[in-house]
Amino acid sequence: DRDFLRDTDARASLIDWRGGLTVSPWTRLSLTASYRHRDRNTDYDPLQDLDAGELPGNGYPAFILARGLTSDDVEARAVIRVNRWLKTTLKYQLVATDYDTTTTGATAVLESGDTLAYGGATLQAGNYDAHVLSASATVTPWRRWYLSSTVAFAPSRMTTANTDGSLVAPYDGDVWSVIASSTYALSELLDLTATYSFSAADYGQDGLAAGLPLGIEYERHGLTAGLVRRLHRTVSASLQYGFYFYREPTAAGAADYTAHGIFASVTK
């Protein structure tokens, strides 16, 4: 235990702008392209950084002077109305984010009593890239029956300032997800609904020479079914049963579960 005193002022700024367009060359086809750019910067002014047990100026997070986040998001989407009862959507999204950190100089006292000094610098603390591909379809086979489903595949990669990967391996893997829902109108006021969802990720880190393999692998299934009753033009009540199944091999079974649930809600 040791005494310390830290007092820091922070100033933040955010720039967020986006643009896009939608064209429909044919009645059954519409194409959309969009771009979004974000800059978020935070500057820190350490007014005080006192430490009775170590040299002053080394306290976390007082040695961090600034943090920056720059993100670019590109999306392309095509909506195809095949016929009166079938509509499909294809989408691609690219997300790229850079994280920058500026630090002040710091000193450390070695066991020998010597003092070691580190200079301050601005470095790229992290880089994140993700590609998301998805396809969805909406089907109305009969007037009272509505079906929809979406399948998505998202490979992504996160790296840190430890560029050689010997201590902190890149967080690299894929996520698969599926969601399918069905709604059948039993009457003008009562609907029967069912939804199935699936998600799986493969971020396991193999062959790491040093450090900790912290990647995750998991598989999750969820199924809900129930009734929705319209009580008023803007008010509805629902009663649902849910079943959930989760497995995470990278946690050696510690996080695995099977769950049942009953949910009642009123929405307006």
Protein backbone atom coordinates (compact mmCIF):
# COMPACT_ATOMS: atom_id res chain seq x y z
CA ASP A 1 0.00 0.00 0.00
CA ARG A 2 1.16 3.51 -0.71
CA ASP A 3 -0.30 7.02 -0.79
CA PHE A 4 -0.91 8.80 -4.06
CA LEU A 5 -2.75 11.87 -5.31
CA ARG A 6 -3.85 12.41 -8.92
CA ASP A 7 -5.95 15.15 -10.49
CA THR A 8 -6.54 15.29 -14.25
CA ASP A 9 -8.57 17.54 -16.55
CA ALA A 10 -9.89 16.10 -19.80
CA ARG A 11 -11.07 17.72 -23.00
CA ALA A 12 -12.80 15.70 -25.74
CA SER A 13 -13.86 16.38 -29.32
CA LEU A 14 -15.90 14.33 -31.77
CA ILE A 15 -16.30 14.71 -35.53
CA ASP A 16 -18.85 12.43 -37.19
CA TRP A 17 -19.94 12.83 -40.78
CA ARG A 18 -21.56 10.51 -43.26
CA GLY A 19 -22.93 10.45 -46.77
CA GLY A 20 -24.55 8.08 -49.22
CA LEU A 21 -26.93 7.58 -52.07
CA THR A 22 -29.70 5.24 -53.15
CA VAL A 23 -30.61 4.51 -56.75
CA SER A 24 -33.36 2.32 -58.16
CA PRO A 25 -32.71 1.56 -61.83
CA TRP A 26 -35.66 -0.85 -61.89
CA THR A 27 -38.81 -1.13 -59.79
CA ARG A 28 -37.64 -4.39 -58.24
CA LEU A 29 -34.06 -3.31 -57.50
CA SER A 30 -32.58 -0.62 -55.28
CA LEU A 31 -28.86 -0.04 -54.63
CA THR A 32 -27.44 1.87 -51.66
CA ALA A 33 -23.87 2.96 -50.92
CA SER A 34 -22.80 4.92 -47.83
CA TYR A 35 -19.64 6.11 -46.09
CA ARG A 36 -19.13 7.25 -42.50
CA HIS A 37 -16.03 8.81 -40.89
CA ARG A 38 -15.51 9.44 -37.18
CA ASP A 39 -12.71 11.20 -35.30
CA ARG A 40 -12.78 11.11 -31.50
CA ASN A 41 -9.92 12.73 -29.59
CA THR A 42 -9.40 13.20 -25.86
CA ASP A 43 -6.63 15.31 -24.31
CA TYR A 44 -5.63 14.86 -20.66
CA ASP A 45 -3.95 17.49 -18.48
CA PRO A 46 -2.50 15.87 -15.32
CA LEU A 47 -2.64 18.75 -12.84
CA GLN A 48 -1.22 16.59 -10.05
CA ASP A 49 0.46 13.19 -9.98
CA LEU A 50 2.04 12.54 -6.58
CA ASP A 51 3.18 9.14 -5.35
CA ALA A 52 4.78 8.57 -1.97
CA GLY A 53 6.12 5.14 -2.88
CA GLU A 54 7.54 5.78 -6.36
CA LEU A 55 8.86 8.63 -8.41
CA PRO A 56 6.18 11.27 -9.18
CA GLY A 57 4.75 11.39 -12.69
CA ASN A 58 4.52 7.62 -13.21
CA GLY A 59 0.98 7.01 -12.00
CA TYR A 60 -1.57 5.33 -14.25
CA PRO A 61 -3.39 6.86 -16.04
CA ALA A 62 -1.74 10.25 -15.46
CA PHE A 63 1.09 9.48 -17.89
CA ILE A 64 -1.45 9.26 -20.76
CA LEU A 65 -1.67 12.68 -22.41
CA ALA A 66 -4.05 11.96 -25.30
CA ARG A 67 -6.09 9.24 -26.96
CA GLY A 68 -7.43 9.22 -30.49
CA LEU A 69 -9.89 7.02 -32.36
CA THR A 70 -10.34 7.22 -36.13
CA SER A 71 -12.96 5.03 -37.79
CA ASP A 72 -14.11 4.54 -41.39
CA ASP A 73 -17.25 2.61 -42.29
CA VAL A 74 -18.17 1.69 -45.88
CA GLU A 75 -21.43 -0.08 -46.71
CA ALA A 76 -23.02 -1.35 -49.92
CA ARG A 77 -26.52 -2.85 -50.05
CA ALA A 78 -28.77 -4.29 -52.76
CA VAL A 79 -32.49 -4.90 -52.19
CA ILE A 80 -34.19 -7.17 -54.70
CA ARG A 81 -37.98 -7.56 -54.80
CA VAL A 82 -38.21 -10.86 -56.62
CA ASN A 83 -42.01 -10.86 -56.63
CA ARG A 84 -44.97 -9.88 -54.48
CA TRP A 85 -44.18 -12.36 -51.69
CA LEU A 86 -40.34 -12.49 -51.72
CA LYS A 87 -37.79 -9.74 -50.99
CA THR A 88 -34.03 -10.32 -50.58
CA THR A 89 -31.23 -8.07 -49.31
CA LEU A 90 -27.49 -8.46 -49.86
CA LYS A 91 -25.10 -6.29 -47.82
CA TYR A 92 -21.36 -5.78 -47.43
CA GLN A 93 -19.78 -3.61 -44.74
CA LEU A 94 -16.16 -2.69 -44.06
CA VAL A 95 -15.17 -1.20 -40.69
CA ALA A 96 -11.62 0.05 -40.05
CA THR A 97 -10.57 1.70 -36.77
CA ASP A 98 -7.21 3.01 -35.56
CA TYR A 99 -6.44 3.72 -31.88
CA ASP A 100 -3.61 6.17 -31.02
CA THR A 101 -2.17 6.96 -27.59
CA THR A 102 0.23 9.73 -26.55
CA THR A 103 2.16 9.32 -23.30
CA THR A 104 4.58 11.42 -21.30
CA GLY A 105 8.02 10.23 -20.24
CA ALA A 106 8.32 7.94 -17.21
CA THR A 107 11.02 6.62 -14.91
CA ALA A 108 11.42 3.37 -13.04
CA VAL A 109 13.60 2.41 -10.09
CA LEU A 110 15.35 -0.94 -10.54
CA GLU A 111 16.16 -3.37 -7.72
CA SER A 112 19.78 -2.26 -7.96
CA GLY A 113 18.71 1.29 -7.12
CA ASP A 114 19.44 2.62 -10.60
CA THR A 115 16.86 4.78 -12.35
CA LEU A 116 15.67 3.90 -15.86
CA ALA A 117 14.00 6.61 -17.96
CA TYR A 118 11.51 6.13 -20.81
CA GLY A 119 10.72 8.85 -23.32
CA GLY A 120 7.17 9.84 -24.21
CA ALA A 121 5.76 9.05 -27.65
CA THR A 122 2.65 8.76 -29.79
CA LEU A 123 2.01 5.24 -30.99
CA GLN A 124 -0.70 3.26 -32.69
CA ALA A 125 -2.14 1.40 -29.71
CA GLY A 126 -4.45 -0.75 -31.81
CA ASN A 127 -5.93 -1.43 -35.22
CA TYR A 128 -9.28 -3.09 -35.93
CA ASP A 129 -10.61 -4.29 -39.29
CA ALA A 130 -13.84 -6.18 -39.95
CA HIS A 131 -15.72 -7.32 -43.03
CA VAL A 132 -19.40 -8.13 -42.64
CA LEU A 133 -21.28 -9.99 -45.36
CA SER A 134 -24.96 -10.74 -44.90
CA ALA A 135 -27.95 -11.96 -46.85
CA SER A 136 -31.56 -11.77 -45.75
CA ALA A 137 -34.91 -12.77 -47.16
CA THR A 138 -38.51 -11.92 -46.33
CA VAL A 139 -41.20 -14.33 -47.47
CA THR A 140 -44.99 -14.03 -47.24
CA PRO A 141 -46.29 -17.38 -48.58
CA TRP A 142 -49.83 -16.62 -47.40
CA ARG A 143 -51.58 -13.49 -46.30
CA ARG A 144 -51.43 -14.51 -42.62
CA TRP A 145 -47.94 -16.00 -42.60
CA TYR A 146 -44.71 -13.95 -42.51
CA LEU A 147 -41.18 -15.44 -42.60
CA SER A 148 -37.81 -13.69 -42.40
CA SER A 149 -34.20 -14.86 -42.08
CA THR A 150 -30.71 -13.36 -42.06
CA VAL A 151 -27.32 -15.05 -42.42
CA ALA A 152 -24.14 -13.10 -41.67
CA PHE A 153 -20.41 -13.85 -41.81
CA ALA A 154 -17.97 -11.42 -40.17
CA PRO A 155 -14.20 -12.00 -40.20
CA SER A 156 -12.33 -9.45 -38.08
CA ARG A 157 -8.83 -8.77 -36.78
CA MET A 158 -7.58 -6.66 -33.86
CA THR A 159 -3.87 -5.92 -33.32
CA THR A 160 -2.06 -3.94 -30.62
CA ALA A 161 1.20 -1.99 -30.40
CA ASN A 162 2.96 -5.30 -29.71
CA THR A 163 3.39 -5.74 -33.45
CA ASP A 164 5.45 -8.95 -33.47
CA GLY A 165 2.63 -10.88 -31.76
CA SER A 166 4.97 -12.69 -29.36
CA LEU A 167 3.21 -11.49 -26.19
CA VAL A 168 -0.23 -10.36 -27.37
CA ALA A 169 -1.43 -12.35 -30.36
CA PRO A 170 -3.69 -10.64 -32.93
CA TYR A 171 -7.36 -11.16 -32.08
CA ASP A 172 -8.20 -12.79 -35.41
CA GLY A 173 -11.24 -14.88 -36.22
CA ASP A 174 -14.71 -15.23 -37.70
CA VAL A 175 -18.26 -14.89 -36.45
CA TRP A 176 -21.20 -16.69 -38.04
CA SER A 177 -24.75 -15.71 -37.14
CA VAL A 178 -28.20 -16.81 -38.25
CA ILE A 179 -31.60 -15.53 -37.22
CA ALA A 180 -34.93 -16.80 -38.54
CA SER A 181 -38.40 -15.76 -37.41
CA SER A 182 -41.95 -16.69 -38.25
CA THR A 183 -45.23 -14.93 -37.50
CA TYR A 184 -48.65 -16.42 -38.15
CA ALA A 185 -51.83 -14.41 -37.56
CA LEU A 186 -54.28 -16.66 -35.74
CA SER A 187 -56.80 -13.82 -35.80
CA GLU A 188 -56.90 -10.07 -36.26
CA LEU A 189 -55.71 -9.59 -32.67
CA LEU A 190 -53.63 -12.70 -31.93
CA ASP A 191 -50.29 -13.77 -33.48
CA LEU A 192 -48.24 -16.92 -33.05
CA THR A 193 -44.48 -16.17 -33.22
CA ALA A 194 -41.27 -18.22 -33.22
CA THR A 195 -37.62 -17.16 -33.53
CA TYR A 196 -34.41 -19.18 -33.84
CA SER A 197 -30.97 -17.60 -33.46
CA PHE A 198 -27.50 -19.08 -33.86
CA SER A 199 -24.07 -17.56 -33.33
CA ALA A 200 -20.59 -19.07 -33.42
CA ALA A 201 -17.11 -17.55 -33.18
CA ASP A 202 -13.63 -18.91 -33.80
CA TYR A 203 -10.99 -16.64 -32.25
CA GLY A 204 -8.86 -19.36 -30.72
CA GLN A 205 -5.13 -18.56 -30.65
CA ASP A 206 -2.86 -21.50 -31.43
CA GLY A 207 0.92 -21.69 -31.54
CA LEU A 208 1.58 -18.66 -29.33
CA ALA A 209 5.25 -18.84 -28.27
CA ALA A 210 4.84 -16.59 -25.23
CA GLY A 211 2.06 -14.78 -23.42
CA LEU A 212 -1.53 -15.91 -22.91
CA PRO A 213 -3.81 -17.46 -25.55
CA LEU A 214 -6.94 -15.41 -24.80
CA GLY A 215 -9.01 -16.03 -27.94
CA ILE A 216 -12.56 -17.29 -27.57
CA GLU A 217 -14.47 -20.05 -29.35
CA TYR A 218 -18.18 -20.46 -28.69
CA GLU A 219 -21.48 -21.71 -30.09
CA ARG A 220 -24.88 -20.42 -29.02
CA HIS A 221 -28.41 -21.51 -29.98
CA GLY A 222 -31.63 -19.81 -28.94
CA LEU A 223 -35.26 -20.64 -29.63
CA THR A 224 -38.30 -18.65 -28.51
CA ALA A 225 -41.98 -19.19 -29.23
CA GLY A 226 -45.12 -17.55 -27.95
CA LEU A 227 -48.26 -15.51 -28.47
CA VAL A 228 -48.70 -11.77 -29.06
CA ARG A 229 -52.09 -10.19 -28.31
CA ARG A 230 -52.96 -6.67 -29.47
CA LEU A 231 -54.84 -4.97 -26.64
CA HIS A 232 -55.15 -1.60 -28.33
CA ARG A 233 -54.01 0.08 -31.52
CA THR A 234 -50.67 0.94 -29.85
CA VAL A 235 -50.53 -1.60 -26.99
CA SER A 236 -49.74 -5.31 -27.18
CA ALA A 237 -48.96 -8.08 -24.68
CA SER A 238 -46.85 -11.19 -25.23
CA LEU A 239 -46.14 -14.47 -23.48
CA GLN A 240 -43.11 -16.45 -24.65
CA TYR A 241 -41.04 -19.51 -23.83
CA GLY A 242 -37.31 -19.55 -24.54
CA PHE A 243 -34.67 -22.28 -24.70
CA TYR A 244 -30.94 -21.47 -24.89
CA PHE A 245 -27.86 -23.66 -25.38
CA TYR A 246 -24.27 -22.35 -25.08
CA ARG A 247 -20.89 -24.05 -25.36
CA GLU A 248 -17.46 -22.42 -25.02
CA PRO A 249 -14.55 -24.90 -25.47
CA THR A 250 -11.88 -22.25 -24.73
CA ALA A 251 -13.24 -21.93 -21.18
CA ALA A 252 -12.99 -25.70 -20.64
CA GLY A 253 -16.74 -25.91 -20.03
CA ALA A 254 -16.79 -23.34 -17.19
CA ALA A 255 -19.09 -21.01 -19.15
CA ASP A 256 -21.37 -23.66 -20.71
CA TYR A 257 -25.05 -23.49 -19.91
CA THR A 258 -28.52 -24.67 -20.89
CA ALA A 259 -31.35 -22.34 -19.95
CA HIS A 260 -35.14 -22.17 -20.07
CA GLY A 261 -37.16 -19.01 -19.64
CA ILE A 262 -40.71 -17.69 -19.65
CA PHE A 263 -41.19 -14.04 -20.59
CA ALA A 264 -44.27 -11.85 -20.25
CA SER A 265 -44.26 -8.27 -21.50
CA VAL A 266 -46.47 -5.35 -22.46
CA THR A 267 -45.29 -2.92 -25.12
CA LYS A 268 -46.64 0.40 -26.24
